[in-house]
C-alpha cells in the first residue's frame, strides 16, 4: 500500500525565492558586503531546509510512542504497559538506521547506540557514563522522513516528581507543529486541559489526537465531549481520532480503506493543509524581511553614491548627513549603547521576575497542600495526594515557562525597537529546545506511612490508659468498703482507656501531618531549585542570542552608513570623464535592488505561490 504523504516541506517556496536570494547575493558581493552575504546565506539555508519539526506531547500512557511508530512505520519508540519514553527522542531521515545518545556537560557529546538498544534508553543508561542525558537521536529510512519530517517523541508529562514538563514545553516553543495525544478511555482531564493551554500559547499550530479508538467503542462520545471542552476553554484546534493499531494493521495488509478508517488520511490532510502552509508562511515572511533589510542597506550605499555623482551640492549635503548618521551608528556599536543597556537590564529584571514568579506559585501550592493535609489523615490518602501535588507542580512549572518565554519575546521586541530608525527590527530565533536537555531529576516526594496498628496494639494502648483509672477509682471505692475491681473502677478504666486510644490516634495523625508537610516543603524546594537553575541557564543563552544578533544588526547599520559616506565622498571627487559610466553602473545596481525589494514585499502576499 502506498500512503500519500504530505507535500514535501522542501517545496515550501518556489524556485523564484532562491533565485531572488542569489541575485541579491550577487549584488551584495559586487558591493563588497560580506556581512550581508552571510545574512542572505542564512536565509537561503532556512528556505531550502526541508525539515518540519513535529513534536508529539501528552500525559503518561496515552499512546504517543505507538502513534509515532505507526506514523513512521518504524519500531523506534518503546511501547508497552510497563514501558514509556524516558528521554526525548528525535527521529530524522537517513539511508541506514543509526542512533546516537546526546549527553550534556561542558560540550554536548554524541554517543553511538546499537539500534537494538534504542527502546531501552533511560536517563540512567550506562551509555551516558553518568552524564546527563539530553536526548536520543535516531535516523532511519522512510518516505515521511525523506520528505523532511522530523518527529520528536517526548516523555509523558505529569506523574509523581516528573521532571519533564519544562523540557517538553521548550521543544514545543520551537516546533513547526505539535500533536497533543490523549486516548479515548476518558474525556480531557483538568491537567490535560491546563497543559494544552500552555502548548497553544507557545506554538500556533496544534492538533489534538484522540488515540486508541479501536479499544473503546464509545470513542465518538468522548470526541464530542473533548470538542466541548476545547470550545469552553477557547482553544481553537482540530481534534483528529486515530488508531495506531489499525494503522499498523493497514500497513501490513496494504489496505487503503483500513488506513482511512484508522484516521491517518485525515492526519495527512491536516499536515499538508495546515502544518506545511504555516511553515510556508513563516519562512516566506522571514526571507522577505531579510531581503528587505539587505535591500535597504544596499540602496543606502548606491543611493548616496548616485547623489554624489549627479550633483556636487547634493553630494556635500549627503556627506554632511551621513557624517552625523555615522557618528550615531558608531556610538551604537562602540559605546554603551541604549539597546545594550536595555538588554542587560531586561535580562536582570526577567531573571528576578521569573524566579519570584516560580517561588510565589510554588508557595501557593505548598499552602494549599498544607491546608489539605490539616483537613484529614495524610497517611490514608497519600498516593492520591502525591498525584495531585505532582499535577499542581507540573502546572506551575508550565505556567512559569510560558510566562518566561513570552517575556523573552517581549524583551527581544523592546531591544529591536532601538533599531527602528535603521529599518532593521528583525528578531532572532530564540531556540531554547536543545540547550540543556532534561534537567536533573526532581527528588521523589517522601512516603508517609499510614501507621495502621493491629487489634493487639489497640488493646495495649487502651489497657495502658485504663490501668490508671481502674487503680485510682478502685482505691477510692475501697475506702467506701467496696472491692478494688468494681463497676465504678471498671467504668472509669473504660473511659480513660478510650480517651488514651483517641489521644494516641490523634498524636499519630499529628505526627503524620508534620511529616507530610515536611515532605511537601522538601519536594517543592527541590522543584524550585531544579527549575530555577534550568530557567537561569535558559536566560543566559537567550541573552547571548539577543546580544549577538543585535550586535550584528548594529555593525551592519554602522558599516552601511560608513560605506555610503565613503561612496558619496568618492563620487564627488570622481573625474568628469568617468562620471557618466559610473552613473550608469550605479543606476543599474540601484534599479536591480529596487526590483528585488518589490519582489520581497510581494512575498508576504497570498498571490505568491509556493
Protein backbone atom coordinates (compact mmCIF):
# COMPACT_ATOMS: atom_id res chain seq x y z
CA UNK A 1 0.00 0.00 0.00
CA UNK A 2 1.31 3.46 -0.85
CA UNK A 3 0.05 6.08 1.55
CA UNK A 4 0.26 9.59 0.09
CA UNK A 5 2.45 11.71 2.36
CA UNK A 6 2.03 15.42 2.92
CA UNK A 7 3.57 17.74 0.38
CA UNK A 8 7.31 17.84 0.71
CA UNK A 9 8.46 20.63 3.01
CA UNK A 10 11.37 21.05 0.66
CA UNK A 11 8.89 22.55 -1.82
CA UNK A 12 7.67 25.20 0.64
CA UNK A 13 8.84 28.03 -1.61
CA UNK A 14 9.01 28.05 -5.38
CA UNK A 15 12.30 28.26 -7.26
CA UNK A 16 11.83 32.02 -7.60
CA UNK A 17 12.77 32.60 -3.97
CA UNK A 18 16.23 31.01 -4.08
CA UNK A 19 16.76 32.88 -7.33
CA UNK A 20 15.85 36.19 -5.65
CA UNK A 21 18.31 35.47 -2.85
CA UNK A 22 21.06 34.51 -5.32
CA UNK A 23 20.56 37.74 -7.26
CA UNK A 24 20.70 39.79 -4.08
CA UNK A 25 23.83 37.89 -3.01
CA UNK A 26 25.46 38.77 -6.32
CA UNK A 27 24.71 42.47 -5.81
CA UNK A 28 25.96 42.36 -2.21
CA UNK A 29 29.18 40.67 -3.36
CA UNK A 30 29.71 43.35 -6.01
CA UNK A 31 29.28 45.95 -3.27
CA UNK A 32 31.85 44.18 -1.10
CA UNK A 33 29.31 43.50 1.67
CA UNK A 34 30.36 40.10 3.00
CA UNK A 35 28.25 40.63 6.14
CA UNK A 36 25.10 40.94 4.05
CA UNK A 37 26.12 37.90 2.01
CA UNK A 38 26.35 35.90 5.25
CA UNK A 39 22.88 37.04 6.25
CA UNK A 40 21.42 36.08 2.89
CA UNK A 41 23.18 32.70 3.02
CA UNK A 42 21.43 32.03 6.32
CA UNK A 43 18.11 32.99 4.75
CA UNK A 44 18.75 30.62 1.86
CA UNK A 45 19.54 27.81 4.28
CA UNK A 46 16.21 28.35 6.01
CA UNK A 47 14.50 28.43 2.65
CA UNK A 48 15.94 25.19 1.35
CA UNK A 49 15.89 23.29 4.65
CA UNK A 50 13.23 20.61 4.07
CA UNK A 51 12.71 19.71 7.70
CA UNK A 52 9.46 20.13 9.59
CA UNK A 53 9.75 19.59 13.32
CA UNK A 54 6.68 17.77 14.65
CA UNK A 55 6.61 17.40 18.45
CA UNK A 56 4.33 14.75 19.97
CA UNK A 57 3.27 15.54 23.54
CA UNK A 58 0.78 14.32 26.10
CA UNK A 59 0.46 12.79 29.52
CA UNK A 60 1.74 9.39 30.55
CA UNK A 61 0.36 6.26 28.89
CA UNK A 62 -1.73 7.97 26.19
CA UNK A 63 -0.25 6.11 23.21
CA UNK A 64 2.31 8.68 21.99
CA UNK A 65 5.09 6.20 21.24
CA UNK A 66 2.82 3.73 19.48
CA UNK A 67 1.44 6.59 17.39
CA UNK A 68 4.96 7.65 16.33
CA UNK A 69 5.79 4.05 15.38
CA UNK A 70 2.57 3.79 13.37
CA UNK A 71 3.03 7.16 11.68
CA UNK A 72 6.55 6.34 10.51
CA UNK A 73 6.00 2.57 10.09
CA UNK A 74 9.11 2.06 12.24
CA UNK A 75 9.75 0.36 15.57
CA UNK A 76 11.76 3.18 17.14
CA UNK A 77 9.86 4.04 20.34
CA UNK A 78 9.31 1.89 23.39
CA UNK A 79 5.73 0.59 23.65
CA UNK A 80 4.15 -1.46 26.45
CA UNK A 81 2.22 -1.33 29.70
CA UNK A 82 5.42 -1.14 31.72
CA UNK A 83 7.47 0.81 29.16
CA UNK A 84 7.43 4.51 28.40
CA UNK A 85 9.57 7.06 26.62
CA UNK A 86 12.11 8.12 29.23
CA UNK A 87 14.12 10.72 27.25
CA UNK A 88 13.17 12.95 24.30
CA UNK A 89 13.59 11.00 21.07
CA UNK A 90 14.26 12.84 17.78
CA UNK A 91 13.65 10.78 14.63
CA UNK A 92 15.05 12.02 11.32
CA UNK A 93 15.99 10.54 7.94
CA UNK A 94 18.99 8.54 6.84
CA UNK A 95 19.57 5.81 4.29
CA UNK A 96 20.75 3.41 7.00
CA UNK A 97 19.38 3.24 10.57
CA UNK A 98 21.65 4.83 13.17
CA UNK A 99 21.16 6.06 16.72
CA UNK A 100 23.13 8.41 18.96
CA UNK A 101 22.68 9.40 22.56
CA UNK A 102 23.32 13.10 23.16
CA UNK A 103 24.70 13.74 26.62
CA UNK A 104 25.32 17.06 28.33
CA UNK A 105 28.32 18.54 30.02
CA UNK A 106 30.72 21.34 29.10
CA UNK A 107 30.04 20.38 25.48
CA UNK A 108 27.44 18.06 24.07
CA UNK A 109 28.72 14.65 23.06
CA UNK A 110 27.07 12.14 20.71
CA UNK A 111 27.49 8.50 21.71
CA UNK A 112 26.62 5.73 19.20
CA UNK A 113 23.89 3.39 20.40
CA UNK A 114 23.06 -0.01 18.88
CA UNK A 115 19.70 0.08 17.12
CA UNK A 116 18.55 -2.90 19.17
CA UNK A 117 19.00 -0.89 22.38
CA UNK A 118 17.09 2.27 21.48
CA UNK A 119 13.82 1.22 23.17
CA UNK A 120 15.61 0.63 26.48
CA UNK A 121 17.26 4.05 26.83
CA UNK A 122 16.61 5.80 30.17
CA UNK A 123 18.27 8.78 31.91
CA UNK A 124 20.34 6.23 33.85
CA UNK A 125 21.55 4.32 30.77
CA UNK A 126 25.15 3.07 31.03
CA UNK A 127 25.85 4.54 27.58
CA UNK A 128 25.81 8.01 29.21
CA UNK A 129 28.57 7.02 31.65
CA UNK A 130 26.96 9.01 34.43
CA UNK A 131 26.47 12.18 32.39
CA UNK A 132 23.16 13.97 31.92
CA UNK A 133 21.11 12.60 29.01
CA UNK A 134 19.76 15.33 26.73
CA UNK A 135 18.01 13.31 24.01
CA UNK A 136 18.17 10.25 21.79
CA UNK A 137 18.64 10.92 18.07
CA UNK A 138 17.54 8.22 15.62
CA UNK A 139 18.00 8.38 11.85
CA UNK A 140 16.10 5.86 9.75
CA UNK A 141 14.78 5.41 6.20
CA UNK A 142 11.15 6.18 5.44
CA UNK A 143 9.05 8.20 2.98
CA UNK A 144 7.80 10.74 5.52
CA UNK A 145 11.26 11.22 6.98
CA UNK A 146 12.74 11.52 3.48
CA UNK A 147 10.28 14.34 2.77
CA UNK A 148 11.73 16.27 5.70
CA UNK A 149 9.51 15.29 8.60
CA UNK A 150 11.38 15.27 11.92
CA UNK A 151 9.32 13.69 14.69
CA UNK A 152 10.08 14.28 18.36
CA UNK A 153 8.60 11.79 20.84
CA UNK A 154 8.60 13.37 24.30
CA UNK A 155 8.32 11.77 27.74
CA UNK A 156 4.86 11.95 29.22
CA UNK A 157 4.16 14.97 31.38
CA UNK A 158 2.65 14.61 34.84
CA UNK A 159 3.30 11.92 37.37
CA UNK A 160 4.96 11.78 40.75
CA UNK A 161 8.05 14.00 40.75
CA UNK A 162 8.13 14.10 36.97
CA UNK A 163 10.87 16.44 35.68
CA UNK A 164 9.98 16.73 32.01
CA UNK A 165 7.33 19.47 31.78
CA UNK A 166 9.72 22.39 31.18
CA UNK A 167 11.86 20.44 28.72
CA UNK A 168 8.79 19.36 26.74
CA UNK A 169 7.48 22.93 26.61
CA UNK A 170 10.91 24.07 25.43
CA UNK A 171 10.59 21.75 22.46
CA UNK A 172 7.04 22.97 21.84
CA UNK A 173 8.23 26.57 21.61
CA UNK A 174 10.46 25.77 18.61
CA UNK A 175 8.22 23.25 16.85
CA UNK A 176 6.62 23.70 13.43
CA UNK A 177 3.61 21.80 14.76
CA UNK A 178 2.55 20.00 17.93
CA UNK A 179 0.41 16.87 18.13
CA UNK A 180 -1.24 16.61 21.55
CA UNK A 181 -2.15 13.00 22.29
CA UNK A 182 -4.97 11.82 24.58
CA UNK A 183 -6.57 8.39 24.49
CA UNK A 184 -10.29 7.61 24.12
CA UNK A 185 -10.67 6.00 27.55
CA UNK A 186 -11.99 9.25 29.02
CA UNK A 187 -12.54 12.87 28.12
CA UNK A 188 -9.87 15.51 28.72
CA UNK A 189 -8.85 15.80 32.35
CA UNK A 190 -8.17 19.13 34.07
CA UNK A 191 -4.36 18.62 33.95
CA UNK A 192 -4.56 17.81 30.25
CA UNK A 193 -6.55 20.96 29.52
CA UNK A 194 -4.08 23.03 31.53
CA UNK A 195 -1.12 21.58 29.63
CA UNK A 196 -2.91 22.01 26.29
CA UNK A 197 -3.49 25.70 27.04
CA UNK A 198 0.23 26.10 27.73
CA UNK A 199 1.07 24.33 24.46
CA UNK A 200 -1.24 26.53 22.37
CA UNK A 201 0.31 29.66 23.86
CA UNK A 202 3.78 28.53 22.71
CA UNK A 203 3.04 27.08 19.25
CA UNK A 204 0.43 28.40 16.79
CA UNK A 205 -0.05 25.07 15.00
CA UNK A 206 -1.51 22.41 17.31
CA UNK A 207 -3.80 19.42 16.75
CA UNK A 208 -5.30 17.03 19.30
CA UNK A 209 -5.12 13.32 18.51
CA UNK A 210 -7.67 11.00 20.13
CA UNK A 211 -5.84 7.67 20.17
CA UNK A 212 -6.84 4.05 20.84
CA UNK A 213 -10.21 4.41 19.13
CA UNK A 214 -10.03 0.69 18.30
CA UNK A 215 -10.17 -0.18 22.03
CA UNK A 216 -13.13 1.98 23.09
CA UNK A 217 -16.47 1.68 21.25
CA UNK A 218 -17.69 4.90 22.88
CA UNK A 219 -14.85 6.99 21.42
CA UNK A 220 -17.24 9.18 19.42
CA UNK A 221 -18.95 10.34 22.62
CA UNK A 222 -15.53 11.05 24.12
CA UNK A 223 -14.57 13.00 20.99
CA UNK A 224 -17.72 15.13 21.27
CA UNK A 225 -17.04 15.78 24.96
CA UNK A 226 -13.44 16.75 24.17
CA UNK A 227 -14.59 19.19 21.49
CA UNK A 228 -16.95 20.75 24.04
CA UNK A 229 -14.02 21.16 26.45
CA UNK A 230 -11.97 22.83 23.73
CA UNK A 231 -14.78 25.26 22.90
CA UNK A 232 -15.42 26.01 26.58
CA UNK A 233 -11.76 26.89 27.13
CA UNK A 234 -11.49 28.92 23.93
CA UNK A 235 -8.95 26.57 22.32
CA UNK A 236 -9.42 26.51 18.55
CA UNK A 237 -7.57 23.37 17.44
CA UNK A 238 -8.73 20.36 15.42
CA UNK A 239 -9.45 17.01 17.11
CA UNK A 240 -8.44 14.00 14.99
CA UNK A 241 -9.43 10.46 16.08
CA UNK A 242 -6.74 7.90 15.16
CA UNK A 243 -5.98 4.26 15.81
CA UNK A 244 -2.32 3.30 15.77
CA UNK A 245 -3.15 -0.41 15.91
CA UNK A 246 -5.39 -0.18 12.82
CA UNK A 247 -2.74 1.88 11.03
CA UNK A 248 -0.08 -0.77 11.68
CA UNK A 249 -2.51 -3.47 10.56
CA UNK A 250 -3.37 -1.49 7.40
CA UNK A 251 0.29 -1.11 6.51
CA UNK A 252 0.84 -4.81 6.95
CA UNK A 253 -2.17 -5.69 4.75
CA UNK A 254 -1.61 -2.82 2.27
CA UNK A 255 -5.23 -1.78 2.89
CA UNK A 256 -6.05 1.81 1.93
CA UNK A 257 -9.59 1.62 3.34
CA UNK A 258 -8.37 0.38 6.70
CA UNK A 259 -5.77 3.14 6.75
CA UNK A 260 -8.52 5.71 6.20
CA UNK A 261 -10.57 4.13 8.98
CA UNK A 262 -7.51 4.46 11.26
CA UNK A 263 -7.72 8.25 10.78
CA UNK A 264 -4.31 8.74 9.21
CA UNK A 265 -5.68 10.05 5.92
CA UNK A 266 -7.25 12.96 7.81
CA UNK A 267 -4.00 13.41 9.68
CA UNK A 268 -2.05 13.64 6.41
CA UNK A 269 -4.58 16.15 5.15
CA UNK A 270 -4.02 18.25 8.27
CA UNK A 271 -0.23 18.06 7.93
CA UNK A 272 -0.43 19.06 4.28
CA UNK A 273 -3.06 21.77 4.64
CA UNK A 274 -2.12 23.40 7.96
CA UNK A 275 1.38 22.49 9.06
CA UNK A 276 3.09 22.89 5.70
CA UNK A 277 1.07 26.01 4.87
CA UNK A 278 2.00 27.65 8.18
CA UNK A 279 5.66 26.75 7.66
CA UNK A 280 5.50 28.27 4.18
CA UNK A 281 4.06 31.50 5.51
CA UNK A 282 6.63 31.74 8.31
CA UNK A 283 9.56 31.01 6.00
CA UNK A 284 8.28 33.42 3.37
CA UNK A 285 7.95 36.21 5.95
CA UNK A 286 11.47 35.61 7.32
CA UNK A 287 13.03 35.56 3.85
CA UNK A 288 11.09 38.67 2.82
CA UNK A 289 12.33 40.51 5.91
CA UNK A 290 15.96 39.58 5.22
CA UNK A 291 15.66 40.64 1.57
CA UNK A 292 14.02 43.91 2.59
CA UNK A 293 16.69 44.79 5.14
CA UNK A 294 19.56 43.89 2.82
CA UNK A 295 18.00 45.90 0.01
CA UNK A 296 17.80 48.94 2.29
CA UNK A 297 21.47 48.62 3.22
CA UNK A 298 22.49 48.35 -0.42
CA UNK A 299 20.13 51.13 -1.53
CA UNK A 300 21.67 53.45 1.07
CA UNK A 301 25.16 52.88 -0.33
CA UNK A 302 24.21 53.10 -4.00
CA UNK A 303 21.79 55.98 -3.46
CA UNK A 304 24.39 58.06 -1.67
CA UNK A 305 26.93 57.43 -4.41
CA UNK A 306 24.43 58.25 -7.14
CA UNK A 307 23.53 61.52 -5.43
CA UNK A 308 27.19 62.47 -5.34
CA UNK A 309 27.68 61.58 -8.98
CA UNK A 310 24.74 63.62 -10.20
CA UNK A 311 25.08 66.83 -8.16
CA UNK A 312 28.11 68.12 -6.23
CA UNK A 313 25.97 70.27 -3.92
CA UNK A 314 23.69 67.32 -3.22
CA UNK A 315 26.76 65.23 -2.52
CA UNK A 316 28.01 67.72 0.06
CA UNK A 317 24.67 67.74 1.83
CA UNK A 318 24.52 63.94 1.69
CA UNK A 319 28.04 63.70 3.12
CA UNK A 320 27.12 66.03 5.96
CA UNK A 321 24.02 63.98 6.80
CA UNK A 322 25.91 60.73 6.53
CA UNK A 323 28.63 62.06 8.82
CA UNK A 324 26.03 62.63 11.52
CA UNK A 325 24.46 59.21 10.88
CA UNK A 326 27.88 57.60 11.04
CA UNK A 327 28.58 59.16 14.41
CA UNK A 328 25.27 57.82 15.74
CA UNK A 329 25.95 54.36 14.33
CA UNK A 330 29.49 54.28 15.71
CA UNK A 331 28.13 55.29 19.08
CA UNK A 332 25.63 52.47 18.84
CA UNK A 333 28.35 49.95 18.06
CA UNK A 334 31.25 51.06 20.28
CA UNK A 335 29.84 52.96 23.20
CA UNK A 336 27.46 51.75 25.89
CA UNK A 337 24.51 51.95 23.55
CA UNK A 338 20.97 52.17 24.75
CA UNK A 339 19.99 48.83 23.30
CA UNK A 340 22.78 47.11 25.23
CA UNK A 341 21.59 48.70 28.46
CA UNK A 342 18.02 47.70 27.67
CA UNK A 343 19.11 44.12 27.09
CA UNK A 344 21.25 43.91 30.24
CA UNK A 345 18.59 45.50 32.46
CA UNK A 346 15.85 43.44 30.84
CA UNK A 347 17.63 40.13 31.40
CA UNK A 348 18.35 41.04 35.02
CA UNK A 349 14.75 42.03 35.65
CA UNK A 350 13.48 38.99 33.79
CA UNK A 351 15.61 36.60 35.85
CA UNK A 352 14.38 38.14 39.10
CA UNK A 353 10.75 38.18 37.96
CA UNK A 354 10.80 34.58 36.74
CA UNK A 355 12.41 33.36 39.96
CA UNK A 356 9.91 35.29 42.07
CA UNK A 357 7.00 34.06 39.97
CA UNK A 358 8.12 30.43 40.34
CA UNK A 359 8.60 30.74 44.10
CA UNK A 360 5.28 32.52 44.53
CA UNK A 361 3.41 29.85 42.56
CA UNK A 362 5.12 27.05 44.47
CA UNK A 363 4.37 28.74 47.80
CA UNK A 364 0.71 28.89 46.85
CA UNK A 365 0.78 25.16 46.03
CA UNK A 366 2.54 24.45 49.33
CA UNK A 367 -0.04 26.42 51.32
CA UNK A 368 -2.89 24.64 49.57
CA UNK A 369 -1.22 21.27 50.18
CA UNK A 370 -0.78 22.02 53.87
CA UNK A 371 -4.44 23.00 54.19
CA UNK A 372 -5.40 19.70 52.58
CA UNK A 373 -3.09 17.85 54.98
CA UNK A 374 -4.63 19.57 58.01
CA UNK A 375 -8.11 18.54 56.91
CA UNK A 376 -7.51 14.81 57.05
CA UNK A 377 -5.15 11.93 57.65
CA UNK A 378 -2.39 12.16 55.02
CA UNK A 379 -1.34 8.57 55.55
CA UNK A 380 -4.69 7.21 54.38
CA UNK A 381 -4.75 9.18 51.09
CA UNK A 382 -1.05 9.77 50.41
CA UNK A 383 -0.96 8.18 46.97
CA UNK A 384 -3.82 10.34 45.67
CA UNK A 385 -2.33 13.38 47.38
CA UNK A 386 1.08 12.77 45.75
CA UNK A 387 -0.58 12.57 42.31
CA UNK A 388 -2.46 15.82 42.95
CA UNK A 389 0.73 17.55 44.11
CA UNK A 390 2.60 16.35 41.01
CA UNK A 391 -0.15 17.72 38.75
CA UNK A 392 -0.22 21.07 40.54
CA UNK A 393 3.56 21.34 40.40
CA UNK A 394 3.65 20.47 36.69
CA UNK A 395 1.05 23.18 36.01
CA UNK A 396 3.11 25.71 37.98
CA UNK A 397 6.31 24.85 36.11
CA UNK A 398 4.49 25.03 32.78
CA UNK A 399 2.89 28.39 33.53
CA UNK A 400 6.22 29.77 34.67
CA UNK A 401 7.89 28.55 31.47
CA UNK A 402 5.20 30.02 29.21
CA UNK A 403 5.38 33.36 31.01
CA UNK A 404 9.18 33.37 30.77
CA UNK A 405 9.01 32.65 27.03
CA UNK A 406 6.50 35.43 26.45
CA UNK A 407 8.63 37.88 28.46
CA UNK A 408 11.73 36.85 26.49
CA UNK A 409 9.98 37.61 23.19
CA UNK A 410 8.75 40.91 24.64
CA UNK A 411 12.30 41.82 25.68
CA UNK A 412 13.60 40.99 22.19
CA UNK A 413 10.94 43.27 20.70
CA UNK A 414 11.94 46.08 23.08
CA UNK A 415 15.57 45.79 22.08
CA UNK A 416 14.60 45.61 18.39
CA UNK A 417 12.71 48.86 18.84
CA UNK A 418 16.05 50.68 19.19
CA UNK A 419 16.80 49.77 15.57
CA UNK A 420 13.56 51.17 14.15
CA UNK A 421 15.43 54.14 12.71
CA UNK A 422 17.65 51.86 10.64
CA UNK A 423 14.62 49.84 9.50
CA UNK A 424 16.01 46.55 10.82
CA UNK A 425 13.76 45.36 13.62
CA UNK A 426 14.23 41.67 12.87
CA UNK A 427 14.16 39.23 15.78
CA UNK A 428 16.42 36.20 16.19
CA UNK A 429 15.11 32.67 16.64
CA UNK A 430 15.06 32.11 20.40
CA UNK A 431 15.65 28.36 20.12
CA UNK A 432 15.70 27.02 23.66
CA UNK A 433 14.65 23.48 22.92
CA UNK A 434 18.07 21.85 22.98
CA UNK A 435 20.01 23.96 25.45
CA UNK A 436 20.46 21.65 28.38
CA UNK A 437 18.26 18.67 27.62
CA UNK A 438 16.38 17.17 30.54
CA UNK A 439 17.38 18.82 33.79
CA UNK A 440 18.28 16.74 36.83
CA UNK A 441 15.55 14.57 38.25
CA UNK A 442 13.37 16.08 40.94
CA UNK A 443 13.58 14.21 44.22
CA UNK A 444 10.63 11.93 44.87
CA UNK A 445 8.05 13.03 47.38
CA UNK A 446 8.86 11.20 50.63
CA UNK A 447 6.46 8.48 51.67
CA UNK A 448 4.23 8.94 54.71
CA UNK A 449 3.37 5.67 56.45
CA UNK A 450 -0.28 5.22 57.36
CA UNK A 451 0.94 3.58 60.61
CA UNK A 452 -2.04 1.31 60.98
CA UNK A 453 -1.97 -0.61 64.27
CA UNK A 454 -3.41 -4.02 64.91
CA UNK A 455 -6.08 -5.11 67.41
CA UNK A 456 -3.49 -6.19 69.96
CA UNK A 457 -1.78 -2.80 69.82
CA UNK A 458 -5.11 -1.04 70.20
CA UNK A 459 -5.87 -3.19 73.26
CA UNK A 460 -2.44 -2.46 74.70
CA UNK A 461 -2.90 1.30 74.28
CA UNK A 462 -6.37 1.09 75.85
CA UNK A 463 -5.15 -1.04 78.74
CA UNK A 464 -2.31 1.39 79.46
CA UNK A 465 -4.79 4.22 79.69
CA UNK A 466 -7.38 2.23 81.64
CA UNK A 467 -4.90 0.95 84.23
CA UNK A 468 -4.62 4.29 85.98
CA UNK A 469 -8.39 4.76 86.01
CA UNK A 470 -9.08 1.33 87.47
CA UNK A 471 -6.41 1.75 90.12
CA UNK A 472 -7.36 5.31 91.11
CA UNK A 473 -11.10 4.80 91.30
CA UNK A 474 -10.62 1.32 92.80
CA UNK A 475 -8.62 2.73 95.69
CA UNK A 476 -11.22 5.42 96.28
CA UNK A 477 -14.01 2.86 96.26
CA UNK A 478 -12.18 0.63 98.80
CA UNK A 479 -12.44 3.44 101.31
CA UNK A 480 -16.20 3.05 100.98
CA UNK A 481 -15.97 -0.67 101.59
CA UNK A 482 -16.06 -1.76 98.00
CA UNK A 483 -13.67 -4.14 96.22
CA UNK A 484 -10.76 -2.80 94.17
CA UNK A 485 -12.36 -4.12 90.98
CA UNK A 486 -15.92 -2.92 90.91
CA UNK A 487 -18.31 -1.43 88.34
CA UNK A 488 -17.19 2.13 89.13
CA UNK A 489 -13.47 1.42 88.70
CA UNK A 490 -14.11 -0.68 85.61
CA UNK A 491 -16.24 2.07 84.05
CA UNK A 492 -13.58 4.67 84.82
CA UNK A 493 -10.98 2.39 83.27
CA UNK A 494 -13.03 2.02 80.09
CA UNK A 495 -13.50 5.78 79.79
CA UNK A 496 -9.85 6.58 80.38
CA UNK A 497 -8.74 3.73 78.10
CA UNK A 498 -10.93 5.06 75.29
CA UNK A 499 -9.53 8.55 75.82
CA UNK A 500 -5.98 7.20 75.77
CA UNK A 501 -6.67 5.40 72.48
CA UNK A 502 -8.18 8.56 70.93
CA UNK A 503 -5.27 10.68 72.15
CA UNK A 504 -2.78 8.17 70.78
CA UNK A 505 -4.60 8.09 67.44
CA UNK A 506 -4.66 11.89 67.26
CA UNK A 507 -0.96 12.05 68.13
CA UNK A 508 -0.18 9.64 65.34
CA UNK A 509 -2.21 11.76 62.87
CA UNK A 510 -0.45 14.94 64.01
CA UNK A 511 2.90 13.23 63.57
CA UNK A 512 1.94 12.11 60.06
CA UNK A 513 0.74 15.63 59.23
CA UNK A 514 4.06 17.08 60.35
CA UNK A 515 5.97 14.53 58.27
CA UNK A 516 3.70 15.17 55.28
CA UNK A 517 4.21 18.95 55.46
CA UNK A 518 7.95 18.45 55.73
CA UNK A 519 7.87 16.15 52.68
CA UNK A 520 5.84 18.69 50.68
CA UNK A 521 8.22 21.53 51.54
CA UNK A 522 11.25 19.43 50.63
CA UNK A 523 9.63 18.44 47.33
CA UNK A 524 8.64 21.98 46.29
CA UNK A 525 12.03 23.29 47.38
CA UNK A 526 13.73 20.73 45.15
CA UNK A 527 11.45 21.66 42.26
CA UNK A 528 12.26 25.34 42.82
CA UNK A 529 15.98 24.59 42.83
CA UNK A 530 15.99 22.44 39.69
CA UNK A 531 13.56 24.53 37.64
CA UNK A 532 15.22 27.76 38.79
CA UNK A 533 18.59 26.51 37.58
CA UNK A 534 17.13 25.49 34.23
CA UNK A 535 15.47 28.91 33.88
CA UNK A 536 18.71 30.75 34.62
CA UNK A 537 20.59 28.62 32.09
CA UNK A 538 17.91 29.35 29.50
CA UNK A 539 18.06 33.09 30.15
CA UNK A 540 21.84 33.14 29.77
CA UNK A 541 21.53 31.53 26.35
CA UNK A 542 18.72 33.92 25.37
CA UNK A 543 20.90 36.85 26.41
CA UNK A 544 23.78 35.62 24.25
CA UNK A 545 21.46 35.02 21.29
CA UNK A 546 19.97 38.52 21.54
CA UNK A 547 23.36 40.15 22.16
CA UNK A 548 24.98 38.50 19.15
CA UNK A 549 22.01 39.20 16.87
CA UNK A 550 21.66 42.88 17.71
CA UNK A 551 25.43 43.41 17.69
CA UNK A 552 25.35 42.11 14.12
CA UNK A 553 22.47 44.46 13.28
CA UNK A 554 24.33 47.43 14.79
CA UNK A 555 27.52 46.58 12.91
CA UNK A 556 25.66 46.19 9.62
CA UNK A 557 23.99 49.57 10.13
CA UNK A 558 27.29 51.22 11.00
CA UNK A 559 29.04 49.66 8.03
CA UNK A 560 26.28 50.66 5.62
CA UNK A 561 26.46 54.27 6.73
CA UNK A 562 30.27 54.27 6.63
CA UNK A 563 30.37 52.81 3.14
CA UNK A 564 27.63 55.19 1.97
CA UNK A 565 29.71 58.09 3.26
CA UNK A 566 32.80 56.77 1.52
CA UNK A 567 30.88 56.23 -1.72
CA UNK A 568 29.44 59.76 -1.65
CA UNK A 569 32.86 61.28 -0.99
CA UNK A 570 34.46 59.22 -3.76
CA UNK A 571 31.69 60.19 -6.17
CA UNK A 572 32.24 63.89 -5.51
CA UNK A 573 35.93 63.52 -6.35
CA UNK A 574 35.39 61.38 -9.45
CA UNK A 575 36.64 62.81 -12.74
CA UNK A 576 34.00 64.03 -15.20
CA UNK A 577 35.21 61.53 -17.81
CA UNK A 578 34.37 58.63 -15.52
CA UNK A 579 31.23 60.06 -14.03
CA UNK A 580 28.76 59.05 -16.79
CA UNK A 581 29.96 55.47 -16.88
CA UNK A 582 29.76 55.15 -13.09
CA UNK A 583 26.30 56.73 -13.03
CA UNK A 584 25.03 54.09 -15.43
CA UNK A 585 26.54 51.27 -13.37
CA UNK A 586 25.18 52.59 -10.08
CA UNK A 587 21.74 53.21 -11.56
CA UNK A 588 21.68 49.66 -12.87
CA UNK A 589 22.60 48.25 -9.44
CA UNK A 590 20.11 50.53 -7.72
CA UNK A 591 17.32 49.51 -10.09
CA UNK A 592 18.16 45.85 -9.52
CA UNK A 593 18.00 46.36 -5.75
CA UNK A 594 14.67 48.17 -6.08
CA UNK A 595 13.24 45.36 -8.18
CA UNK A 596 14.34 42.78 -5.66
CA UNK A 597 12.87 44.88 -2.86
CA UNK A 598 9.50 44.95 -4.64
CA UNK A 599 9.69 41.18 -5.10
CA UNK A 600 10.50 40.78 -1.41
CA UNK A 601 7.48 42.91 -0.45
CA UNK A 602 5.36 40.66 -2.64
CA UNK A 603 6.43 37.55 -0.73
CA UNK A 604 4.04 38.38 2.10
CA UNK A 605 1.03 38.45 -0.21
CA UNK A 606 -1.14 35.37 -0.81
CA UNK A 607 -0.56 35.73 -4.53
CA UNK A 608 2.94 34.30 -4.23
CA UNK A 609 2.75 30.57 -4.68
CA UNK A 610 4.97 28.01 -3.05
